[in-house]
Amino acid sequence: MTTDVDPAPTGADPDAVTLRGDELPWRSVSPALRTVRLITLFAWLTPFVVVLAVLAVVVSPWFWVGAGVLAALVAWGAWLIVRQVSAITWIELPDEIVIRKGRLFRSLVSIPYGRLQYIDVESGPLMRSRGIASCEFHTASPESGGTLPGLPTEEAEALRGRLAARGEAQRAGL
């Protein structure tokens, strides 16, 4: 199996990698990740809203307060998921992969290819039904790894192959 080892932007300057800047061609994760996370949110919290609404009708109207609070929590969670997923971007540079996440609390994780030990590609049933997977990057230090959720499955598998080849090449000193 042959893999392409050069989808990194030519002339990409690692110094241009910033929390805010869009000077580089950052890639977004699949919008299907938003759908998966929203389905999960609704599946966990909607039954509680329904139970509280039934209790409000059967037992006491005071349960409407709890149902309203939970309904507001579901709405806020949905808004938050939409904002968070659209803020996850990544880029492959010549020597590292960089992952940006967050709107209010931003993080920038840079993982050098030479430090990669292995890459997990994971996809649960809901993610598989939407055609997406997550890549988890493992290094010798747990603090220097990272996760890239919501990639199309084919892209996640190709990314795993490319990064593994680059990591081997850098560890070999090529």
Protein backbone atom coordinates (compact mmCIF):
# COMPACT_ATOMS: atom_id res chain seq x y z
CA MET A 1 0.00 0.00 0.00
CA THR A 2 1.46 3.33 -1.01
CA THR A 3 0.62 6.55 0.72
CA ASP A 4 1.04 10.13 -0.31
CA VAL A 5 3.45 11.78 2.05
CA ASP A 6 3.09 15.42 1.00
CA PRO A 7 -0.30 17.07 1.53
CA ALA A 8 1.37 19.67 3.76
CA PRO A 9 1.07 23.15 2.28
CA THR A 10 4.22 24.06 0.43
CA GLY A 11 6.00 26.97 1.98
CA ALA A 12 3.86 26.77 5.14
CA ASP A 13 5.59 28.71 7.85
CA PRO A 14 5.29 27.04 11.28
CA ASP A 15 5.64 30.50 12.84
CA ALA A 16 2.35 31.49 11.18
CA VAL A 17 0.49 28.99 13.39
CA THR A 18 -1.49 31.05 15.88
CA LEU A 19 -4.60 30.68 17.99
CA ARG A 20 -6.48 33.30 15.97
CA GLY A 21 -4.79 33.67 12.62
CA ASP A 22 -6.12 32.27 9.41
CA GLU A 23 -2.95 32.87 7.42
CA LEU A 24 -2.63 29.14 6.80
CA PRO A 25 -5.15 26.86 5.05
CA TRP A 26 -6.71 25.39 8.20
CA ARG A 27 -9.00 22.43 7.58
CA SER A 28 -12.30 22.01 9.41
CA VAL A 29 -13.74 18.78 10.73
CA SER A 30 -16.86 17.29 9.19
CA PRO A 31 -20.20 18.97 10.00
CA ALA A 32 -21.46 15.45 10.74
CA LEU A 33 -19.64 15.72 14.09
CA ARG A 34 -22.11 18.42 15.09
CA THR A 35 -25.00 16.08 14.24
CA VAL A 36 -23.51 13.21 16.25
CA ARG A 37 -22.94 15.41 19.30
CA LEU A 38 -26.44 16.93 19.08
CA ILE A 39 -28.03 13.48 18.86
CA THR A 40 -26.05 12.42 21.93
CA LEU A 41 -27.10 15.53 23.86
CA PHE A 42 -30.78 15.08 23.01
CA ALA A 43 -30.66 11.34 23.75
CA TRP A 44 -29.30 11.99 27.26
CA LEU A 45 -31.29 15.02 28.38
CA THR A 46 -34.66 14.87 26.58
CA PRO A 47 -35.95 11.88 28.61
CA PHE A 48 -35.38 13.86 31.82
CA VAL A 49 -37.34 16.82 30.42
CA VAL A 50 -40.20 14.46 29.49
CA VAL A 51 -40.20 12.82 32.95
CA LEU A 52 -40.29 16.21 34.67
CA ALA A 53 -43.12 17.38 32.39
CA VAL A 54 -45.13 14.24 33.20
CA LEU A 55 -44.49 14.76 36.92
CA ALA A 56 -45.61 18.38 36.56
CA VAL A 57 -48.94 17.24 35.09
CA VAL A 58 -49.47 14.31 37.46
CA VAL A 59 -47.90 15.38 40.78
CA SER A 60 -47.23 19.10 41.09
CA PRO A 61 -46.88 22.10 38.78
CA TRP A 62 -43.57 22.89 40.50
CA PHE A 63 -41.93 20.23 38.34
CA TRP A 64 -42.38 22.62 35.40
CA VAL A 65 -39.52 24.64 36.87
CA GLY A 66 -37.19 21.66 36.59
CA ALA A 67 -38.45 20.83 33.10
CA GLY A 68 -37.88 24.44 32.03
CA VAL A 69 -34.37 24.51 33.48
CA LEU A 70 -33.46 21.26 31.73
CA ALA A 71 -35.01 22.46 28.45
CA ALA A 72 -32.90 25.62 28.71
CA LEU A 73 -29.85 23.44 29.41
CA VAL A 74 -30.56 21.40 26.26
CA ALA A 75 -30.89 24.59 24.19
CA TRP A 76 -27.67 26.04 25.61
CA GLY A 77 -25.86 22.72 25.04
CA ALA A 78 -27.03 22.62 21.43
CA TRP A 79 -25.80 26.18 20.82
CA LEU A 80 -22.48 25.33 22.49
CA ILE A 81 -21.97 22.20 20.39
CA VAL A 82 -22.58 24.12 17.15
CA ARG A 83 -20.02 26.75 18.19
CA GLN A 84 -17.44 24.25 19.44
CA VAL A 85 -17.49 21.96 16.42
CA SER A 86 -17.08 24.85 14.00
CA ALA A 87 -13.99 25.93 15.99
CA ILE A 88 -12.08 22.65 15.54
CA THR A 89 -9.50 23.06 12.78
CA TRP A 90 -6.25 21.35 11.88
CA ILE A 91 -3.34 21.57 9.49
CA GLU A 92 -0.51 19.31 8.41
CA LEU A 93 2.80 21.16 8.32
CA PRO A 94 6.08 19.73 7.00
CA ASP A 95 7.25 18.66 10.50
CA GLU A 96 4.09 18.53 12.62
CA ILE A 97 0.33 18.35 12.76
CA VAL A 98 -1.39 21.22 14.56
CA ILE A 99 -4.90 21.07 16.05
CA ARG A 100 -6.84 24.19 17.13
CA LYS A 101 -9.94 23.99 19.32
CA GLY A 102 -12.17 26.35 21.25
CA ARG A 103 -13.85 29.72 20.96
CA LEU A 104 -13.63 31.18 24.46
CA PHE A 105 -10.93 28.92 25.86
CA ARG A 106 -8.68 28.21 22.90
CA SER A 107 -6.06 25.51 22.65
CA LEU A 108 -3.37 24.85 20.09
CA VAL A 109 -1.74 21.42 20.09
CA SER A 110 1.32 20.82 17.96
CA ILE A 111 2.45 17.21 17.55
CA PRO A 112 5.80 16.65 15.79
CA TYR A 113 5.72 13.66 13.45
CA GLY A 114 8.96 12.28 14.89
CA ARG A 115 7.36 11.99 18.36
CA LEU A 116 4.33 10.00 17.21
CA GLN A 117 4.29 6.48 18.55
CA TYR A 118 0.94 5.37 17.18
CA ILE A 119 -2.35 6.76 15.96
CA ASP A 120 -5.75 5.34 16.89
CA VAL A 121 -8.66 5.71 14.50
CA GLU A 122 -11.95 5.19 16.35
CA SER A 123 -15.57 5.30 15.26
CA GLY A 124 -18.57 4.29 17.36
CA PRO A 125 -21.91 3.19 15.88
CA LEU A 126 -23.35 6.70 15.67
CA MET A 127 -20.17 8.09 14.12
CA ARG A 128 -20.02 5.18 11.65
CA SER A 129 -23.61 5.86 10.59
CA ARG A 130 -22.53 9.41 9.71
CA GLY A 131 -19.28 8.31 8.03
CA ILE A 132 -16.87 9.96 10.47
CA ALA A 133 -14.09 8.85 12.80
CA SER A 134 -11.70 10.31 15.37
CA CYS A 135 -7.92 10.19 15.30
CA GLU A 136 -6.07 10.04 18.59
CA PHE A 137 -2.34 10.78 18.44
CA HIS A 138 -0.14 9.08 21.02
CA THR A 139 3.39 10.15 21.92
CA ALA A 140 5.76 9.07 24.68
CA SER A 141 4.34 11.81 26.89
CA PRO A 142 0.58 11.78 27.53
CA GLU A 143 0.56 15.58 27.68
CA SER A 144 1.90 15.97 24.15
CA GLY A 145 -0.73 13.84 22.38
CA GLY A 146 -3.97 15.05 20.89
CA THR A 147 -7.33 14.11 19.44
CA LEU A 148 -8.87 15.14 16.16
CA PRO A 149 -12.59 14.23 16.15
CA GLY A 150 -15.01 14.24 13.27
CA LEU A 151 -12.92 13.43 10.22
CA PRO A 152 -14.51 11.57 7.32
CA THR A 153 -13.53 7.92 7.76
CA GLU A 154 -11.49 7.71 4.56
CA GLU A 155 -9.63 10.89 5.46
CA ALA A 156 -8.91 9.64 9.00
CA GLU A 157 -7.48 6.39 7.66
CA ALA A 158 -5.40 8.22 5.03
CA LEU A 159 -4.17 10.68 7.68
CA ARG A 160 -3.11 7.81 9.90
CA GLY A 161 -1.10 6.28 7.05
CA ARG A 162 0.54 9.58 6.04
CA LEU A 163 1.51 10.54 9.58
CA ALA A 164 2.84 7.08 10.37
CA ALA A 165 5.04 7.25 7.25
CA ARG A 166 6.26 10.74 8.14
CA GLY A 167 6.96 9.69 11.73
CA GLU A 168 9.00 6.70 10.57
CA ALA A 169 10.93 8.90 8.13
CA GLN A 170 11.74 11.48 10.80
CA ARG A 171 12.73 8.88 13.38
CA ALA A 172 15.02 7.29 10.79
CA GLY A 173 16.69 10.66 10.29
CA LEU A 174 15.69 11.01 6.64
